[in-house]
């Protein structure tokens, strides 16, 4: 989390940070999600961010963003929630972009192959419903397994109120 915060403060993309640090983009992504990092990777990032290596080493790299607890003194609970929401929002927009590219291509293929039968409506409808549900959850219009449900399940398991 601290790595993502430092990267965003400087206005760098994950690719730019990877280029500057000599690490792969995938390594940067894993570290930002809270997975463990090697000492060499942390030293490389500390040099790029011009901070002491111990600041990155102190952070609990195994704490995932979804746990919603600050993984270092430099990240507040509100920042954790904001990072989590932006990650979900980014996932939705990627999903939407894929839909907007692939479905028209399927319709073009359908028309090119056989204009008598429009089979492309089926994937458009199915995927469109999935996209709609994704959007409703991300924009917090529908959350069947949200915080209220989690609280109920914990209370049910404990047999008492929290």
C-alpha atoms as a PDB file:
ATOM      1  CA  UNK A   1       0.000   0.000   0.000  1.00  0.00           C
ATOM      2  CA  UNK A   2       2.787   2.401   0.847  1.00  0.00           C
ATOM      3  CA  UNK A   3       4.337   1.700  -2.542  1.00  0.00           C
ATOM      4  CA  UNK A   4       1.106   2.551  -4.337  1.00  0.00           C
ATOM      5  CA  UNK A   5       0.737   5.732  -2.297  1.00  0.00           C
ATOM      6  CA  UNK A   6       4.306   6.846  -3.032  1.00  0.00           C
ATOM      7  CA  UNK A   7       3.880   6.042  -6.725  1.00  0.00           C
ATOM      8  CA  UNK A   8       0.627   7.987  -7.005  1.00  0.00           C
ATOM      9  CA  UNK A   9       2.045  10.965  -5.109  1.00  0.00           C
ATOM     10  CA  UNK A  10       4.688  11.266  -7.808  1.00  0.00           C
ATOM     11  CA  UNK A  11       2.146  10.776 -10.602  1.00  0.00           C
ATOM     12  CA  UNK A  12       3.857   7.673 -11.974  1.00  0.00           C
ATOM     13  CA  UNK A  13       2.186   4.731 -13.651  1.00  0.00           C
ATOM     14  CA  UNK A  14       3.116   1.195 -12.672  1.00  0.00           C
ATOM     15  CA  UNK A  15       5.032   0.920 -15.952  1.00  0.00           C
ATOM     16  CA  UNK A  16       7.044   4.066 -15.190  1.00  0.00           C
ATOM     17  CA  UNK A  17       7.902   2.786 -11.709  1.00  0.00           C
ATOM     18  CA  UNK A  18       8.923  -0.554 -13.182  1.00  0.00           C
ATOM     19  CA  UNK A  19      11.184   1.179 -15.717  1.00  0.00           C
ATOM     20  CA  UNK A  20      12.799   3.357 -13.048  1.00  0.00           C
ATOM     21  CA  UNK A  21      13.309   0.524 -10.566  1.00  0.00           C
ATOM     22  CA  UNK A  22      14.296  -2.249 -12.962  1.00  0.00           C
ATOM     23  CA  UNK A  23      11.469  -4.453 -11.698  1.00  0.00           C
ATOM     24  CA  UNK A  24       8.691  -5.970 -13.749  1.00  0.00           C
ATOM     25  CA  UNK A  25       5.238  -4.409 -13.845  1.00  0.00           C
ATOM     26  CA  UNK A  26       3.825  -7.654 -12.466  1.00  0.00           C
ATOM     27  CA  UNK A  27       6.143  -7.409  -9.443  1.00  0.00           C
ATOM     28  CA  UNK A  28       4.967  -3.842  -8.814  1.00  0.00           C
ATOM     29  CA  UNK A  29       1.330  -4.989  -9.071  1.00  0.00           C
ATOM     30  CA  UNK A  30       1.913  -7.830  -6.610  1.00  0.00           C
ATOM     31  CA  UNK A  31       3.641  -5.559  -4.130  1.00  0.00           C
ATOM     32  CA  UNK A  32       0.847  -2.985  -4.341  1.00  0.00           C
ATOM     33  CA  UNK A  33      -1.695  -5.700  -3.607  1.00  0.00           C
ATOM     34  CA  UNK A  34       0.186  -6.531  -0.418  1.00  0.00           C
ATOM     35  CA  UNK A  35       2.106  -9.651  -1.400  1.00  0.00           C
ATOM     36  CA  UNK A  36       5.580 -10.305  -0.031  1.00  0.00           C
ATOM     37  CA  UNK A  37       8.539  -8.704  -1.771  1.00  0.00           C
ATOM     38  CA  UNK A  38      12.186  -9.638  -1.847  1.00  0.00           C
ATOM     39  CA  UNK A  39      14.799  -7.522  -0.130  1.00  0.00           C
ATOM     40  CA  UNK A  40      16.328  -6.630  -3.498  1.00  0.00           C
ATOM     41  CA  UNK A  41      12.974  -5.383  -4.810  1.00  0.00           C
ATOM     42  CA  UNK A  42      12.408  -3.262  -1.725  1.00  0.00           C
ATOM     43  CA  UNK A  43      15.932  -1.811  -1.960  1.00  0.00           C
ATOM     44  CA  UNK A  44      15.363  -0.931  -5.601  1.00  0.00           C
ATOM     45  CA  UNK A  45      12.092   0.838  -4.786  1.00  0.00           C
ATOM     46  CA  UNK A  46      13.621   2.640  -1.816  1.00  0.00           C
ATOM     47  CA  UNK A  47      16.325   4.014  -4.115  1.00  0.00           C
ATOM     48  CA  UNK A  48      13.756   5.168  -6.682  1.00  0.00           C
ATOM     49  CA  UNK A  49      11.553   6.843  -4.047  1.00  0.00           C
ATOM     50  CA  UNK A  50      14.645   8.253  -2.313  1.00  0.00           C
ATOM     51  CA  UNK A  51      13.582   6.971   1.082  1.00  0.00           C
ATOM     52  CA  UNK A  52      15.263   4.768   3.661  1.00  0.00           C
ATOM     53  CA  UNK A  53      14.990   1.048   2.954  1.00  0.00           C
ATOM     54  CA  UNK A  54      13.742   0.423   6.496  1.00  0.00           C
ATOM     55  CA  UNK A  55      10.566   2.423   5.799  1.00  0.00           C
ATOM     56  CA  UNK A  56       9.550  -0.051   3.103  1.00  0.00           C
ATOM     57  CA  UNK A  57      10.826  -3.017   5.090  1.00  0.00           C
ATOM     58  CA  UNK A  58       8.705  -2.027   8.099  1.00  0.00           C
ATOM     59  CA  UNK A  59       5.477  -2.199   6.175  1.00  0.00           C
ATOM     60  CA  UNK A  60       3.565  -5.404   6.457  1.00  0.00           C
ATOM     61  CA  UNK A  61       3.667  -6.493   2.842  1.00  0.00           C
ATOM     62  CA  UNK A  62       1.389  -9.450   3.508  1.00  0.00           C
ATOM     63  CA  UNK A  63      -1.544  -7.265   4.547  1.00  0.00           C
ATOM     64  CA  UNK A  64      -3.976  -7.135   1.670  1.00  0.00           C
ATOM     65  CA  UNK A  65      -5.866  -4.006   0.727  1.00  0.00           C
ATOM     66  CA  UNK A  66      -9.197  -5.726   1.330  1.00  0.00           C
ATOM     67  CA  UNK A  67      -8.451  -6.144   5.042  1.00  0.00           C
ATOM     68  CA  UNK A  68      -9.062  -2.411   5.446  1.00  0.00           C
ATOM     69  CA  UNK A  69      -6.470  -1.946   8.132  1.00  0.00           C
ATOM     70  CA  UNK A  70      -3.576   0.447   7.642  1.00  0.00           C
ATOM     71  CA  UNK A  71      -0.510  -1.555   6.648  1.00  0.00           C
ATOM     72  CA  UNK A  72       1.870   1.217   7.617  1.00  0.00           C
ATOM     73  CA  UNK A  73       1.839   4.410   9.632  1.00  0.00           C
ATOM     74  CA  UNK A  74       1.772   6.418   6.385  1.00  0.00           C
ATOM     75  CA  UNK A  75      -1.598   5.095   5.202  1.00  0.00           C
ATOM     76  CA  UNK A  76      -4.884   5.992   6.854  1.00  0.00           C
ATOM     77  CA  UNK A  77      -8.077   3.949   6.895  1.00  0.00           C
ATOM     78  CA  UNK A  78      -9.722   6.424   4.505  1.00  0.00           C
ATOM     79  CA  UNK A  79      -6.835   6.088   2.043  1.00  0.00           C
ATOM     80  CA  UNK A  80      -7.153   2.300   2.191  1.00  0.00           C
ATOM     81  CA  UNK A  81     -10.859   2.565   1.394  1.00  0.00           C
ATOM     82  CA  UNK A  82     -10.161   4.992  -1.443  1.00  0.00           C
ATOM     83  CA  UNK A  83      -7.465   2.739  -2.964  1.00  0.00           C
ATOM     84  CA  UNK A  84      -9.820  -0.229  -2.728  1.00  0.00           C
ATOM     85  CA  UNK A  85     -12.669   1.664  -4.397  1.00  0.00           C
ATOM     86  CA  UNK A  86     -10.449   2.955  -7.211  1.00  0.00           C
ATOM     87  CA  UNK A  87      -9.182  -0.588  -7.857  1.00  0.00           C
ATOM     88  CA  UNK A  88     -12.778  -1.827  -8.160  1.00  0.00           C
ATOM     89  CA  UNK A  89     -13.710   1.114 -10.382  1.00  0.00           C
ATOM     90  CA  UNK A  90     -10.735   0.455 -12.644  1.00  0.00           C
ATOM     91  CA  UNK A  91     -11.784  -3.197 -12.931  1.00  0.00           C
ATOM     92  CA  UNK A  92     -15.285  -2.162 -13.974  1.00  0.00           C
ATOM     93  CA  UNK A  93     -14.031   0.246 -16.647  1.00  0.00           C
ATOM     94  CA  UNK A  94     -11.705  -2.428 -18.039  1.00  0.00           C
ATOM     95  CA  UNK A  95     -14.661  -4.822 -18.134  1.00  0.00           C
ATOM     96  CA  UNK A  96     -16.807  -2.216 -19.907  1.00  0.00           C
ATOM     97  CA  UNK A  97     -14.076  -1.501 -22.467  1.00  0.00           C
ATOM     98  CA  UNK A  98     -13.712  -5.197 -23.249  1.00  0.00           C
ATOM     99  CA  UNK A  99     -17.472  -5.467 -23.765  1.00  0.00           C
ATOM    100  CA  UNK A 100     -17.556  -2.435 -26.054  1.00  0.00           C
ATOM    101  CA  UNK A 101     -14.779  -3.871 -28.215  1.00  0.00           C
ATOM    102  CA  UNK A 102     -15.692  -7.549 -28.357  1.00  0.00           C
ATOM    103  CA  UNK A 103     -19.486  -7.417 -28.737  1.00  0.00           C
ATOM    104  CA  UNK A 104     -19.424  -5.223 -31.884  1.00  0.00           C
ATOM    105  CA  UNK A 105     -16.742  -7.532 -33.277  1.00  0.00           C
ATOM    106  CA  UNK A 106     -19.029 -10.509 -32.630  1.00  0.00           C
ATOM    107  CA  UNK A 107     -21.905  -8.768 -34.404  1.00  0.00           C
ATOM    108  CA  UNK A 108     -19.630  -7.994 -37.354  1.00  0.00           C
ATOM    109  CA  UNK A 109     -18.561 -11.639 -37.473  1.00  0.00           C
ATOM    110  CA  UNK A 110     -22.210 -12.722 -37.208  1.00  0.00           C
ATOM    111  CA  UNK A 111     -23.241 -10.511 -40.120  1.00  0.00           C
ATOM    112  CA  UNK A 112     -20.245 -11.622 -42.176  1.00  0.00           C
ATOM    113  CA  UNK A 113     -20.952 -15.320 -41.544  1.00  0.00           C
ATOM    114  CA  UNK A 114     -24.724 -15.614 -41.600  1.00  0.00           C
ATOM    115  CA  UNK A 115     -27.139 -12.697 -41.780  1.00  0.00           C
ATOM    116  CA  UNK A 116     -30.174 -15.001 -41.420  1.00  0.00           C
ATOM    117  CA  UNK A 117     -29.520 -15.871 -37.758  1.00  0.00           C
ATOM    118  CA  UNK A 118     -28.307 -13.326 -35.202  1.00  0.00           C
ATOM    119  CA  UNK A 119     -26.487 -15.465 -32.637  1.00  0.00           C
ATOM    120  CA  UNK A 120     -24.433 -12.492 -31.362  1.00  0.00           C
ATOM    121  CA  UNK A 121     -27.421 -11.320 -29.305  1.00  0.00           C
ATOM    122  CA  UNK A 122     -26.887 -14.194 -26.858  1.00  0.00           C
ATOM    123  CA  UNK A 123     -23.360 -13.304 -25.745  1.00  0.00           C
ATOM    124  CA  UNK A 124     -24.283  -9.605 -25.790  1.00  0.00           C
ATOM    125  CA  UNK A 125     -27.222 -10.257 -23.479  1.00  0.00           C
ATOM    126  CA  UNK A 126     -25.387 -12.627 -21.129  1.00  0.00           C
ATOM    127  CA  UNK A 127     -22.258 -10.536 -20.871  1.00  0.00           C
ATOM    128  CA  UNK A 128     -24.342  -7.366 -20.652  1.00  0.00           C
ATOM    129  CA  UNK A 129     -26.197  -8.723 -17.610  1.00  0.00           C
ATOM    130  CA  UNK A 130     -22.875  -9.599 -15.980  1.00  0.00           C
ATOM    131  CA  UNK A 131     -21.576  -6.119 -16.741  1.00  0.00           C
ATOM    132  CA  UNK A 132     -24.727  -4.585 -15.274  1.00  0.00           C
ATOM    133  CA  UNK A 133     -24.279  -6.556 -12.026  1.00  0.00           C
ATOM    134  CA  UNK A 134     -20.606  -5.565 -11.892  1.00  0.00           C
ATOM    135  CA  UNK A 135     -21.541  -1.903 -12.255  1.00  0.00           C
ATOM    136  CA  UNK A 136     -24.273  -2.112  -9.617  1.00  0.00           C
ATOM    137  CA  UNK A 137     -21.848  -3.608  -7.111  1.00  0.00           C
ATOM    138  CA  UNK A 138     -19.001  -1.184  -7.887  1.00  0.00           C
ATOM    139  CA  UNK A 139     -21.239   1.880  -7.736  1.00  0.00           C
ATOM    140  CA  UNK A 140     -22.806   0.506  -4.536  1.00  0.00           C
ATOM    141  CA  UNK A 141     -26.352   0.226  -5.872  1.00  0.00           C
ATOM    142  CA  UNK A 142     -26.548  -3.507  -5.129  1.00  0.00           C
ATOM    143  CA  UNK A 143     -24.408  -5.492  -2.728  1.00  0.00           C
ATOM    144  CA  UNK A 144     -25.846  -8.872  -1.769  1.00  0.00           C
ATOM    145  CA  UNK A 145     -22.736  -9.824   0.235  1.00  0.00           C
ATOM    146  CA  UNK A 146     -21.907  -6.402   1.667  1.00  0.00           C
ATOM    147  CA  UNK A 147     -21.026  -5.303   5.171  1.00  0.00           C
ATOM    148  CA  UNK A 148     -24.551  -5.893   6.514  1.00  0.00           C
ATOM    149  CA  UNK A 149     -24.553  -9.500   5.316  1.00  0.00           C
ATOM    150  CA  UNK A 150     -21.048 -10.078   6.724  1.00  0.00           C
ATOM    151  CA  UNK A 151     -22.102  -8.717  10.114  1.00  0.00           C
ATOM    152  CA  UNK A 152     -25.160 -10.983  10.171  1.00  0.00           C
ATOM    153  CA  UNK A 153     -23.080 -14.045   9.335  1.00  0.00           C
ATOM    154  CA  UNK A 154     -20.487 -13.265  12.022  1.00  0.00           C
ATOM    155  CA  UNK A 155     -23.231 -12.718  14.624  1.00  0.00           C
ATOM    156  CA  UNK A 156     -24.922 -15.944  13.537  1.00  0.00           C
ATOM    157  CA  UNK A 157     -21.635 -17.863  13.891  1.00  0.00           C
ATOM    158  CA  UNK A 158     -20.868 -16.327  17.284  1.00  0.00           C
ATOM    159  CA  UNK A 159     -24.427 -16.683  18.522  1.00  0.00           C
ATOM    160  CA  UNK A 160     -24.391 -13.114  19.856  1.00  0.00           C
ATOM    161  CA  UNK A 161     -24.353  -9.484  18.759  1.00  0.00           C
ATOM    162  CA  UNK A 162     -21.050  -7.845  17.913  1.00  0.00           C
END
